[in-house]
Amino acid sequence: MLAIELSTDMVDMLQVVSESTGRPLKELVQEALNRFLEEWEDQQDATEAQQLYREFKEGDEQGIPWKDVKSSMDLKHGL
């Protein structure tokens, strides 16, 4: 369990949303936190991908052309 203190304005807004949607406050707060955490995780993944791509571009490793990857996957999956 986690206890947090919210501003009066935030509580008022949540109450309005709760009343207009018929959803409990707990559910609204959990959904908001889940969305925030998913967005944060997506941002972390994007940052890591950008860093890895930069490292790849700066290195001497050769990439594999998409058509070769696609052909290989098509053969592997019988397409």
PDB file of N, CA and C in Angstrom:
ATOM      1  N   MET A   1       0.846  -1.186   0.000  1.00  0.00           N
ATOM      2  CA  MET A   1       0.000   0.000   0.000  1.00  0.00           C
ATOM      3  C   MET A   1       0.882   1.236   0.000  1.00  0.00           C
ATOM      4  N   LEU A   2       0.419   2.249  -0.711  1.00  0.00           N
ATOM      5  CA  LEU A   2       1.131   3.512  -0.814  1.00  0.00           C
ATOM      6  C   LEU A   2       0.150   4.631  -0.494  1.00  0.00           C
ATOM      7  N   ALA A   3       0.554   5.531   0.360  1.00  0.00           N
ATOM      8  CA  ALA A   3      -0.292   6.679   0.681  1.00  0.00           C
ATOM      9  C   ALA A   3       0.379   7.925   0.132  1.00  0.00           C
ATOM     10  N   ILE A   4      -0.395   8.745  -0.588  1.00  0.00           N
ATOM     11  CA  ILE A   4       0.152   9.986  -1.122  1.00  0.00           C
ATOM     12  C   ILE A   4      -0.789  11.134  -0.797  1.00  0.00           C
ATOM     13  N   GLU A   5      -0.225  12.332  -0.790  1.00  0.00           N
ATOM     14  CA  GLU A   5      -1.021  13.523  -0.539  1.00  0.00           C
ATOM     15  C   GLU A   5      -1.180  14.261  -1.863  1.00  0.00           C
ATOM     16  N   LEU A   6      -2.431  14.557  -2.235  1.00  0.00           N
ATOM     17  CA  LEU A   6      -2.723  15.259  -3.476  1.00  0.00           C
ATOM     18  C   LEU A   6      -3.232  16.656  -3.162  1.00  0.00           C
ATOM     19  N   SER A   7      -3.007  17.568  -4.107  1.00  0.00           N
ATOM     20  CA  SER A   7      -3.524  18.925  -3.924  1.00  0.00           C
ATOM     21  C   SER A   7      -5.052  18.896  -3.968  1.00  0.00           C
ATOM     22  N   THR A   8      -5.647  19.899  -3.364  1.00  0.00           N
ATOM     23  CA  THR A   8      -7.106  20.002  -3.345  1.00  0.00           C
ATOM     24  C   THR A   8      -7.656  20.068  -4.765  1.00  0.00           C
ATOM     25  N   ASP A   9      -6.983  20.829  -5.635  1.00  0.00           N
ATOM     26  CA  ASP A   9      -7.432  20.940  -7.028  1.00  0.00           C
ATOM     27  C   ASP A   9      -7.423  19.586  -7.723  1.00  0.00           C
ATOM     28  N   MET A  10      -6.390  18.802  -7.488  1.00  0.00           N
ATOM     29  CA  MET A  10      -6.294  17.495  -8.122  1.00  0.00           C
ATOM     30  C   MET A  10      -7.393  16.563  -7.608  1.00  0.00           C
ATOM     31  N   VAL A  11      -7.625  16.593  -6.318  1.00  0.00           N
ATOM     32  CA  VAL A  11      -8.689  15.759  -5.735  1.00  0.00           C
ATOM     33  C   VAL A  11     -10.042  16.176  -6.299  1.00  0.00           C
ATOM     34  N   ASP A  12     -10.260  17.483  -6.409  1.00  0.00           N
ATOM     35  CA  ASP A  12     -11.525  17.976  -6.966  1.00  0.00           C
ATOM     36  C   ASP A  12     -11.706  17.502  -8.406  1.00  0.00           C
ATOM     37  N   MET A  13     -10.652  17.579  -9.204  1.00  0.00           N
ATOM     38  CA  MET A  13     -10.734  17.137 -10.597  1.00  0.00           C
ATOM     39  C   MET A  13     -10.999  15.639 -10.681  1.00  0.00           C
ATOM     40  N   LEU A  14     -10.313  14.879  -9.856  1.00  0.00           N
ATOM     41  CA  LEU A  14     -10.534  13.432  -9.837  1.00  0.00           C
ATOM     42  C   LEU A  14     -11.969  13.102  -9.433  1.00  0.00           C
ATOM     43  N   GLN A  15     -12.496  13.851  -8.478  1.00  0.00           N
ATOM     44  CA  GLN A  15     -13.875  13.626  -8.026  1.00  0.00           C
ATOM     45  C   GLN A  15     -14.863  13.905  -9.158  1.00  0.00           C
ATOM     46  N   VAL A  16     -14.621  14.962  -9.919  1.00  0.00           N
ATOM     47  CA  VAL A  16     -15.492  15.293 -11.053  1.00  0.00           C
ATOM     48  C   VAL A  16     -15.449  14.172 -12.090  1.00  0.00           C
ATOM     49  N   VAL A  17     -14.246  13.703 -12.405  1.00  0.00           N
ATOM     50  CA  VAL A  17     -14.105  12.616 -13.379  1.00  0.00           C
ATOM     51  C   VAL A  17     -14.781  11.353 -12.855  1.00  0.00           C
ATOM     52  N   SER A  18     -14.587  11.069 -11.590  1.00  0.00           N
ATOM     53  CA  SER A  18     -15.192   9.884 -10.983  1.00  0.00           C
ATOM     54  C   SER A  18     -16.717   9.934 -11.085  1.00  0.00           C
ATOM     55  N   GLU A  19     -17.272  11.081 -10.751  1.00  0.00           N
ATOM     56  CA  GLU A  19     -18.727  11.226 -10.786  1.00  0.00           C
ATOM     57  C   GLU A  19     -19.265  11.172 -12.211  1.00  0.00           C
ATOM     58  N   SER A  20     -18.538  11.782 -13.155  1.00  0.00           N
ATOM     59  CA  SER A  20     -19.051  11.816 -14.532  1.00  0.00           C
ATOM     60  C   SER A  20     -18.863  10.491 -15.263  1.00  0.00           C
ATOM     61  N   THR A  21     -17.902   9.680 -14.830  1.00  0.00           N
ATOM     62  CA  THR A  21     -17.666   8.391 -15.497  1.00  0.00           C
ATOM     63  C   THR A  21     -18.231   7.214 -14.717  1.00  0.00           C
ATOM     64  N   GLY A  22     -18.542   7.444 -13.447  1.00  0.00           N
ATOM     65  CA  GLY A  22     -19.028   6.352 -12.607  1.00  0.00           C
ATOM     66  C   GLY A  22     -17.923   5.394 -12.183  1.00  0.00           C
ATOM     67  N   ARG A  23     -16.692   5.833 -12.317  1.00  0.00           N
ATOM     68  CA  ARG A  23     -15.554   4.984 -11.944  1.00  0.00           C
ATOM     69  C   ARG A  23     -15.014   5.420 -10.581  1.00  0.00           C
ATOM     70  N   PRO A  24     -14.586   4.469  -9.766  1.00  0.00           N
ATOM     71  CA  PRO A  24     -14.045   4.816  -8.448  1.00  0.00           C
ATOM     72  C   PRO A  24     -12.727   5.596  -8.553  1.00  0.00           C
ATOM     73  N   LEU A  25     -12.485   6.438  -7.563  1.00  0.00           N
ATOM     74  CA  LEU A  25     -11.246   7.219  -7.520  1.00  0.00           C
ATOM     75  C   LEU A  25     -10.016   6.319  -7.594  1.00  0.00           C
ATOM     76  N   LYS A  26     -10.033   5.229  -6.854  1.00  0.00           N
ATOM     77  CA  LYS A  26      -8.891   4.314  -6.825  1.00  0.00           C
ATOM     78  C   LYS A  26      -8.561   3.828  -8.235  1.00  0.00           C
ATOM     79  N   GLU A  27      -9.592   3.479  -8.987  1.00  0.00           N
ATOM     80  CA  GLU A  27      -9.399   2.984 -10.354  1.00  0.00           C
ATOM     81  C   GLU A  27      -8.800   4.071 -11.252  1.00  0.00           C
ATOM     82  N   LEU A  28      -9.288   5.296 -11.119  1.00  0.00           N
ATOM     83  CA  LEU A  28      -8.777   6.404 -11.925  1.00  0.00           C
ATOM     84  C   LEU A  28      -7.305   6.677 -11.634  1.00  0.00           C
ATOM     85  N   VAL A  29      -6.957   6.687 -10.361  1.00  0.00           N
ATOM     86  CA  VAL A  29      -5.568   6.952  -9.975  1.00  0.00           C
ATOM     87  C   VAL A  29      -4.663   5.819 -10.448  1.00  0.00           C
ATOM     88  N   GLN A  30      -5.115   4.581 -10.296  1.00  0.00           N
ATOM     89  CA  GLN A  30      -4.308   3.449 -10.756  1.00  0.00           C
ATOM     90  C   GLN A  30      -4.096   3.511 -12.265  1.00  0.00           C
ATOM     91  N   GLU A  31      -5.143   3.849 -13.010  1.00  0.00           N
ATOM     92  CA  GLU A  31      -5.013   3.955 -14.467  1.00  0.00           C
ATOM     93  C   GLU A  31      -4.028   5.060 -14.846  1.00  0.00           C
ATOM     94  N   ALA A  32      -4.125   6.197 -14.174  1.00  0.00           N
ATOM     95  CA  ALA A  32      -3.220   7.313 -14.463  1.00  0.00           C
ATOM     96  C   ALA A  32      -1.770   6.927 -14.179  1.00  0.00           C
ATOM     97  N   LEU A  33      -1.544   6.256 -13.062  1.00  0.00           N
ATOM     98  CA  LEU A  33      -0.186   5.829 -12.726  1.00  0.00           C
ATOM     99  C   LEU A  33       0.326   4.778 -13.710  1.00  0.00           C
ATOM    100  N   ASN A  34      -0.535   3.848 -14.112  1.00  0.00           N
ATOM    101  CA  ASN A  34      -0.133   2.847 -15.103  1.00  0.00           C
ATOM    102  C   ASN A  34       0.261   3.505 -16.415  1.00  0.00           C
ATOM    103  N   ARG A  35      -0.535   4.472 -16.858  1.00  0.00           N
ATOM    104  CA  ARG A  35      -0.207   5.184 -18.104  1.00  0.00           C
ATOM    105  C   ARG A  35       1.124   5.913 -17.979  1.00  0.00           C
ATOM    106  N   PHE A  36       1.330   6.588 -16.862  1.00  0.00           N
ATOM    107  CA  PHE A  36       2.585   7.304 -16.646  1.00  0.00           C
ATOM    108  C   PHE A  36       3.770   6.348 -16.697  1.00  0.00           C
ATOM    109  N   LEU A  37       3.652   5.222 -15.998  1.00  0.00           N
ATOM    110  CA  LEU A  37       4.758   4.265 -15.949  1.00  0.00           C
ATOM    111  C   LEU A  37       5.012   3.625 -17.312  1.00  0.00           C
ATOM    112  N   GLU A  38       3.965   3.351 -18.075  1.00  0.00           N
ATOM    113  CA  GLU A  38       4.137   2.803 -19.422  1.00  0.00           C
ATOM    114  C   GLU A  38       4.840   3.812 -20.327  1.00  0.00           C
ATOM    115  N   GLU A  39       4.433   5.082 -20.247  1.00  0.00           N
ATOM    116  CA  GLU A  39       5.077   6.125 -21.048  1.00  0.00           C
ATOM    117  C   GLU A  39       6.538   6.285 -20.642  1.00  0.00           C
ATOM    118  N   TRP A  40       6.818   6.233 -19.353  1.00  0.00           N
ATOM    119  CA  TRP A  40       8.194   6.350 -18.877  1.00  0.00           C
ATOM    120  C   TRP A  40       9.033   5.190 -19.408  1.00  0.00           C
ATOM    121  N   GLU A  41       8.482   3.976 -19.342  1.00  0.00           N
ATOM    122  CA  GLU A  41       9.195   2.802 -19.835  1.00  0.00           C
ATOM    123  C   GLU A  41       9.435   2.906 -21.343  1.00  0.00           C
ATOM    124  N   ASP A  42       8.432   3.379 -22.086  1.00  0.00           N
ATOM    125  CA  ASP A  42       8.602   3.570 -23.528  1.00  0.00           C
ATOM    126  C   ASP A  42       9.712   4.576 -23.816  1.00  0.00           C
ATOM    127  N   GLN A  43       9.753   5.657 -23.031  1.00  0.00           N
ATOM    128  CA  GLN A  43      10.795   6.671 -23.215  1.00  0.00           C
ATOM    129  C   GLN A  43      12.173   6.091 -22.913  1.00  0.00           C
ATOM    130  N   GLN A  44      12.270   5.277 -21.877  1.00  0.00           N
ATOM    131  CA  GLN A  44      13.543   4.635 -21.554  1.00  0.00           C
ATOM    132  C   GLN A  44      13.984   3.716 -22.687  1.00  0.00           C
ATOM    133  N   ASP A  45      13.045   2.950 -23.247  1.00  0.00           N
ATOM    134  CA  ASP A  45      13.352   2.063 -24.372  1.00  0.00           C
ATOM    135  C   ASP A  45      13.829   2.867 -25.577  1.00  0.00           C
ATOM    136  N   ALA A  46      13.154   3.990 -25.861  1.00  0.00           N
ATOM    137  CA  ALA A  46      13.533   4.825 -27.000  1.00  0.00           C
ATOM    138  C   ALA A  46      14.918   5.427 -26.799  1.00  0.00           C
ATOM    139  N   THR A  47      15.206   5.884 -25.597  1.00  0.00           N
ATOM    140  CA  THR A  47      16.519   6.453 -25.301  1.00  0.00           C
ATOM    141  C   THR A  47      17.608   5.403 -25.478  1.00  0.00           C
ATOM    142  N   GLU A  48      17.360   4.196 -24.982  1.00  0.00           N
ATOM    143  CA  GLU A  48      18.332   3.114 -25.124  1.00  0.00           C
ATOM    144  C   GLU A  48      18.528   2.747 -26.593  1.00  0.00           C
ATOM    145  N   ALA A  49      17.439   2.696 -27.346  1.00  0.00           N
ATOM    146  CA  ALA A  49      17.531   2.361 -28.772  1.00  0.00           C
ATOM    147  C   ALA A  49      18.331   3.417 -29.523  1.00  0.00           C
ATOM    148  N   GLN A  50      18.109   4.684 -29.200  1.00  0.00           N
ATOM    149  CA  GLN A  50      18.863   5.760 -29.848  1.00  0.00           C
ATOM    150  C   GLN A  50      20.351   5.638 -29.538  1.00  0.00           C
ATOM    151  N   GLN A  51      20.683   5.333 -28.298  1.00  0.00           N
ATOM    152  CA  GLN A  51      22.082   5.182 -27.903  1.00  0.00           C
ATOM    153  C   GLN A  51      22.724   4.003 -28.629  1.00  0.00           C
ATOM    154  N   LEU A  52      22.026   2.881 -28.678  1.00  0.00           N
ATOM    155  CA  LEU A  52      22.562   1.705 -29.363  1.00  0.00           C
ATOM    156  C   LEU A  52      22.734   1.965 -30.852  1.00  0.00           C
ATOM    157  N   TYR A  53      21.799   2.686 -31.453  1.00  0.00           N
ATOM    158  CA  TYR A  53      21.909   3.014 -32.874  1.00  0.00           C
ATOM    159  C   TYR A  53      23.109   3.924 -33.115  1.00  0.00           C
ATOM    160  N   ARG A  54      23.301   4.913 -32.239  1.00  0.00           N
ATOM    161  CA  ARG A  54      24.465   5.804 -32.348  1.00  0.00           C
ATOM    162  C   ARG A  54      25.754   5.005 -32.277  1.00  0.00           C
ATOM    163  N   GLU A  55      25.809   4.077 -31.310  1.00  0.00           N
ATOM    164  CA  GLU A  55      27.006   3.244 -31.162  1.00  0.00           C
ATOM    165  C   GLU A  55      27.224   2.381 -32.402  1.00  0.00           C
ATOM    166  N   PHE A  56      26.147   1.855 -32.976  1.00  0.00           N
ATOM    167  CA  PHE A  56      26.251   1.048 -34.189  1.00  0.00           C
ATOM    168  C   PHE A  56      26.794   1.893 -35.337  1.00  0.00           C
ATOM    169  N   LYS A  57      26.241   3.105 -35.510  1.00  0.00           N
ATOM    170  CA  LYS A  57      26.675   3.979 -36.607  1.00  0.00           C
ATOM    171  C   LYS A  57      28.132   4.395 -36.447  1.00  0.00           C
ATOM    172  N   GLU A  58      28.589   4.572 -35.213  1.00  0.00           N
ATOM    173  CA  GLU A  58      29.968   4.995 -34.959  1.00  0.00           C
ATOM    174  C   GLU A  58      30.949   3.835 -35.051  1.00  0.00           C
ATOM    175  N   GLY A  59      30.456   2.614 -34.952  1.00  0.00           N
ATOM    176  CA  GLY A  59      31.314   1.432 -34.977  1.00  0.00           C
ATOM    177  C   GLY A  59      31.592   0.975 -36.400  1.00  0.00           C
ATOM    178  N   ASP A  60      32.295  -0.146 -36.501  1.00  0.00           N
ATOM    179  CA  ASP A  60      32.644  -0.671 -37.819  1.00  0.00           C
ATOM    180  C   ASP A  60      31.840  -1.922 -38.177  1.00  0.00           C
ATOM    181  N   GLU A  61      30.833  -2.252 -37.376  1.00  0.00           N
ATOM    182  CA  GLU A  61      29.995  -3.415 -37.646  1.00  0.00           C
ATOM    183  C   GLU A  61      29.066  -3.122 -38.825  1.00  0.00           C
ATOM    184  N   GLN A  62      28.934  -4.091 -39.716  1.00  0.00           N
ATOM    185  CA  GLN A  62      28.069  -3.934 -40.884  1.00  0.00           C
ATOM    186  C   GLN A  62      26.656  -4.415 -40.555  1.00  0.00           C
ATOM    187  N   GLY A  63      25.680  -3.690 -41.050  1.00  0.00           N
ATOM    188  CA  GLY A  63      24.294  -4.087 -40.871  1.00  0.00           C
ATOM    189  C   GLY A  63      23.888  -5.111 -41.924  1.00  0.00           C
ATOM    190  N   ILE A  64      22.701  -5.679 -41.756  1.00  0.00           N
ATOM    191  CA  ILE A  64      22.149  -6.638 -42.711  1.00  0.00           C
ATOM    192  C   ILE A  64      21.005  -5.937 -43.447  1.00  0.00           C
ATOM    193  N   PRO A  65      21.064  -5.899 -44.785  1.00  0.00           N
ATOM    194  CA  PRO A  65      19.983  -5.241 -45.534  1.00  0.00           C
ATOM    195  C   PRO A  65      18.623  -5.879 -45.232  1.00  0.00           C
ATOM    196  N   TRP A  66      17.589  -5.041 -45.183  1.00  0.00           N
ATOM    197  CA  TRP A  66      16.249  -5.501 -44.850  1.00  0.00           C
ATOM    198  C   TRP A  66      15.791  -6.621 -45.776  1.00  0.00           C
ATOM    199  N   LYS A  67      16.058  -6.505 -47.077  1.00  0.00           N
ATOM    200  CA  LYS A  67      15.592  -7.528 -48.016  1.00  0.00           C
ATOM    201  C   LYS A  67      16.186  -8.886 -47.674  1.00  0.00           C
ATOM    202  N   ASP A  68      17.427  -8.912 -47.173  1.00  0.00           N
ATOM    203  CA  ASP A  68      18.049 -10.179 -46.778  1.00  0.00           C
ATOM    204  C   ASP A  68      17.393 -10.750 -45.519  1.00  0.00           C
ATOM    205  N   VAL A  69      17.101  -9.884 -44.576  1.00  0.00           N
ATOM    206  CA  VAL A  69      16.434 -10.315 -43.341  1.00  0.00           C
ATOM    207  C   VAL A  69      15.045 -10.851 -43.679  1.00  0.00           C
ATOM    208  N   LYS A  70      14.311 -10.107 -44.509  1.00  0.00           N
ATOM    209  CA  LYS A  70      12.960 -10.520 -44.882  1.00  0.00           C
ATOM    210  C   LYS A  70      12.982 -11.855 -45.612  1.00  0.00           C
ATOM    211  N   SER A  71      13.887 -12.018 -46.546  1.00  0.00           N
ATOM    212  CA  SER A  71      13.980 -13.287 -47.282  1.00  0.00           C
ATOM    213  C   SER A  71      14.263 -14.440 -46.333  1.00  0.00           C
ATOM    214  N   SER A  72      15.178 -14.217 -45.408  1.00  0.00           N
ATOM    215  CA  SER A  72      15.534 -15.251 -44.437  1.00  0.00           C
ATOM    216  C   SER A  72      14.338 -15.624 -43.563  1.00  0.00           C
ATOM    217  N   MET A  73      13.594 -14.615 -43.120  1.00  0.00           N
ATOM    218  CA  MET A  73      12.428 -14.866 -42.276  1.00  0.00           C
ATOM    219  C   MET A  73      11.319 -15.557 -43.071  1.00  0.00           C
ATOM    220  N   ASP A  74      11.128 -15.151 -44.323  1.00  0.00           N
ATOM    221  CA  ASP A  74      10.117 -15.793 -45.163  1.00  0.00           C
ATOM    222  C   ASP A  74      10.429 -17.271 -45.340  1.00  0.00           C
ATOM    223  N   LEU A  75      11.701 -17.581 -45.584  1.00  0.00           N
ATOM    224  CA  LEU A  75      12.098 -18.981 -45.744  1.00  0.00           C
ATOM    225  C   LEU A  75      11.888 -19.756 -44.449  1.00  0.00           C
ATOM    226  N   LYS A  76      12.252 -19.128 -43.340  1.00  0.00           N
ATOM    227  CA  LYS A  76      12.144 -19.782 -42.035  1.00  0.00           C
ATOM    228  C   LYS A  76      10.693 -20.122 -41.699  1.00  0.00           C
ATOM    229  N   HIS A  77       9.786 -19.259 -42.113  1.00  0.00           N
ATOM    230  CA  HIS A  77       8.372 -19.437 -41.766  1.00  0.00           C
ATOM    231  C   HIS A  77       7.541 -19.968 -42.932  1.00  0.00           C
ATOM    232  N   GLY A  78       8.214 -20.418 -43.980  1.00  0.00           N
ATOM    233  CA  GLY A  78       7.522 -21.038 -45.110  1.00  0.00           C
ATOM    234  C   GLY A  78       6.651 -20.099 -45.914  1.00  0.00           C
ATOM    235  N   LEU A  79       7.049 -18.858 -46.020  1.00  0.00           N
ATOM    236  CA  LEU A  79       6.254 -17.886 -46.797  1.00  0.00           C
ATOM    237  C   LEU A  79       6.819 -17.701 -48.186  1.00  0.00           C
TER     238      LEU A  79
END
